[in-house]
C-alpha atoms as a PDB file:
ATOM      1  CA  MET A   1      -7.514   5.601  -4.641  1.00  0.00           C
ATOM      2  CA  ILE A   2      -5.081   3.888  -2.308  1.00  0.00           C
ATOM      3  CA  THR A   3      -1.490   4.685  -1.493  1.00  0.00           C
ATOM      4  CA  VAL A   4       0.746   1.927  -0.166  1.00  0.00           C
ATOM      5  CA  GLU A   5       4.298   2.550   0.988  1.00  0.00           C
ATOM      6  CA  ALA A   6       6.801   0.033   2.360  1.00  0.00           C
ATOM      7  CA  LYS A   7       9.995   1.354   3.944  1.00  0.00           C
ATOM      8  CA  GLY A   8      12.792  -0.516   5.603  1.00  0.00           C
ATOM      9  CA  ASP A   9      16.281  -1.919   5.473  1.00  0.00           C
ATOM     10  CA  SER A  10      15.011  -5.164   3.908  1.00  0.00           C
ATOM     11  CA  ASP A  11      14.395  -3.596   0.447  1.00  0.00           C
ATOM     12  CA  PRO A  12      10.632  -4.328   0.374  1.00  0.00           C
ATOM     13  CA  ASP A  13       8.746  -5.025  -2.855  1.00  0.00           C
ATOM     14  CA  LEU A  14       4.960  -4.415  -3.090  1.00  0.00           C
ATOM     15  CA  THR A  15       2.387  -6.304  -5.160  1.00  0.00           C
ATOM     16  CA  VAL A  16      -1.395  -5.772  -5.229  1.00  0.00           C
ATOM     17  CA  ILE A  17      -3.366  -8.832  -6.326  1.00  0.00           C
ATOM     18  CA  ASP A  18      -6.916  -8.326  -7.610  1.00  0.00           C
ATOM     19  CA  PRO A  19     -10.017 -10.359  -6.642  1.00  0.00           C
ATOM     20  CA  ASN A  20      -9.346 -12.741  -9.573  1.00  0.00           C
ATOM     21  CA  GLY A  21      -5.861 -13.586  -8.266  1.00  0.00           C
ATOM     22  CA  ASP A  22      -4.045 -11.574 -10.946  1.00  0.00           C
ATOM     23  CA  VAL A  23      -1.292  -9.017 -10.322  1.00  0.00           C
ATOM     24  CA  PHE A  24      -3.039  -5.640 -10.428  1.00  0.00           C
ATOM     25  CA  ASP A  25      -0.060  -3.370  -9.664  1.00  0.00           C
ATOM     26  CA  ALA A  26       3.489  -3.702  -8.359  1.00  0.00           C
ATOM     27  CA  ASN A  27       6.467  -1.577  -7.353  1.00  0.00           C
ATOM     28  CA  ASP A  28      10.040  -2.127  -6.276  1.00  0.00           C
ATOM     29  CA  ASP A  29      12.330   0.795  -5.433  1.00  0.00           C
ATOM     30  CA  ASN A  30      10.243   3.930  -5.846  1.00  0.00           C
ATOM     31  CA  GLY A  31      13.035   5.770  -7.673  1.00  0.00           C
ATOM     32  CA  ILE A  32      13.041   8.738  -5.295  1.00  0.00           C
ATOM     33  CA  ASP A  33      16.439   9.667  -3.815  1.00  0.00           C
ATOM     34  CA  ASN A  34      17.900   6.249  -4.713  1.00  0.00           C
ATOM     35  CA  SER A  35      15.524   4.765  -2.135  1.00  0.00           C
ATOM     36  CA  LEU A  36      14.898   1.037  -1.796  1.00  0.00           C
ATOM     37  CA  SER A  37      11.403   1.807  -0.466  1.00  0.00           C
ATOM     38  CA  SER A  38       8.364   0.811  -2.531  1.00  0.00           C
ATOM     39  CA  LEU A  39       5.417   3.104  -3.298  1.00  0.00           C
ATOM     40  CA  LEU A  40       2.120   2.460  -5.093  1.00  0.00           C
ATOM     41  CA  GLU A  41      -0.648   4.942  -5.841  1.00  0.00           C
ATOM     42  CA  THR A  42      -3.499   3.189  -7.604  1.00  0.00           C
ATOM     43  CA  THR A  43      -7.270   3.045  -7.980  1.00  0.00           C
ATOM     44  CA  LEU A  44      -8.954  -0.270  -7.286  1.00  0.00           C
ATOM     45  CA  ASP A  45     -11.323  -0.598 -10.228  1.00  0.00           C
ATOM     46  CA  GLN A  46     -13.557  -3.499  -9.208  1.00  0.00           C
ATOM     47  CA  GLY A  47     -15.342  -4.731  -6.117  1.00  0.00           C
ATOM     48  CA  GLY A  48     -14.003  -7.625  -4.080  1.00  0.00           C
ATOM     49  CA  VAL A  49     -11.054  -8.486  -1.892  1.00  0.00           C
ATOM     50  CA  TYR A  50      -7.596  -7.335  -2.941  1.00  0.00           C
ATOM     51  CA  THR A  51      -4.423  -8.809  -1.462  1.00  0.00           C
ATOM     52  CA  LEU A  52      -1.299  -6.817  -0.640  1.00  0.00           C
ATOM     53  CA  ARG A  53       1.869  -8.889  -0.837  1.00  0.00           C
ATOM     54  CA  VAL A  54       5.166  -7.609   0.539  1.00  0.00           C
ATOM     55  CA  ASP A  55       8.393  -9.424  -0.289  1.00  0.00           C
ATOM     56  CA  ALA A  56      11.813  -8.512   1.090  1.00  0.00           C
ATOM     57  CA  TYR A  57      15.092  -8.941  -0.772  1.00  0.00           C
ATOM     58  CA  THR A  58      17.308  -8.893   2.312  1.00  0.00           C
ATOM     59  CA  PRO A  59      16.806  -9.810   5.991  1.00  0.00           C
ATOM     60  CA  GLY A  60      15.504  -6.990   8.133  1.00  0.00           C
ATOM     61  CA  GLY A  61      12.360  -5.129   8.982  1.00  0.00           C
ATOM     62  CA  TYR A  62       9.954  -2.913   7.099  1.00  0.00           C
ATOM     63  CA  THR A  63       6.982  -0.671   7.814  1.00  0.00           C
ATOM     64  CA  ILE A  64       3.844  -0.611   5.673  1.00  0.00           C
ATOM     65  CA  THR A  65       1.569   2.433   5.447  1.00  0.00           C
ATOM     66  CA  VAL A  66      -1.778   2.190   3.636  1.00  0.00           C
ATOM     67  CA  THR A  67      -4.109   5.140   3.071  1.00  0.00           C
ATOM     68  CA  SER A  68      -7.255   5.326   1.004  1.00  0.00           C
ATOM     69  CA  GLY A  69      -9.905   7.678  -0.258  1.00  0.00           C
ATOM     70  CA  THR A  70     -10.046  11.110  -1.784  1.00  0.00           C
ATOM     71  CA  PRO A  71      -7.435  13.495  -0.365  1.00  0.00           C
ATOM     72  CA  ASP A  72      -8.910  15.625   2.443  1.00  0.00           C
ATOM     73  CA  PRO A  73      -7.819  19.292   2.309  1.00  0.00           C
ATOM     74  CA  ASN A  74      -8.089  19.394   6.130  1.00  0.00           C
ATOM     75  CA  ASN A  75      -5.783  16.385   6.514  1.00  0.00           C
ATOM     76  CA  PRO A  76      -2.300  17.063   5.053  1.00  0.00           C
ATOM     77  CA  PRO A  77      -0.551  14.228   3.168  1.00  0.00           C
ATOM     78  CA  ASP A  78       1.943  13.656   5.988  1.00  0.00           C
ATOM     79  CA  GLN A  79      -1.008  12.688   8.227  1.00  0.00           C
ATOM     80  CA  PRO A  80      -2.805   9.815   6.432  1.00  0.00           C
ATOM     81  CA  THR A  81      -6.535   9.337   6.814  1.00  0.00           C
ATOM     82  CA  PRO A  82      -7.057   6.307   9.078  1.00  0.00           C
ATOM     83  CA  THR A  83      -8.897   3.474   7.362  1.00  0.00           C
ATOM     84  CA  ASN A  84     -10.352   0.281   8.820  1.00  0.00           C
ATOM     85  CA  PHE A  85      -9.324  -2.395   6.304  1.00  0.00           C
ATOM     86  CA  PHE A  86     -10.432  -5.181   8.637  1.00  0.00           C
ATOM     87  CA  ASP A  87     -14.143  -4.375   8.894  1.00  0.00           C
ATOM     88  CA  ASP A  88     -15.970  -7.087  10.813  1.00  0.00           C
ATOM     89  CA  GLY A  89     -19.321  -6.001   9.369  1.00  0.00           C
ATOM     90  CA  ASP A  90     -20.797  -4.500  12.547  1.00  0.00           C
ATOM     91  CA  GLY A  91     -20.053  -0.905  11.520  1.00  0.00           C
ATOM     92  CA  THR A  92     -17.291  -0.368  14.075  1.00  0.00           C
END
């Protein structure tokens, strides 16, 4: 499972594209507290490279947070489990 959140004054919109180039999941405006932030919680169901696309509706900045894996009872949700999404293959 992965969780992707985009917050910012630019009204970010998230899209996950699967290894075949198809839209796998998308979210705009998470619906919580009239927020313009985007939030996705999804399970990637096939091997391969997925692409995360972030679009912004207005000029401004945004912050992206990505977490993955099974929730760890020793690591509360407000402290995401660090994940190396840019593995260079040498195990570091």
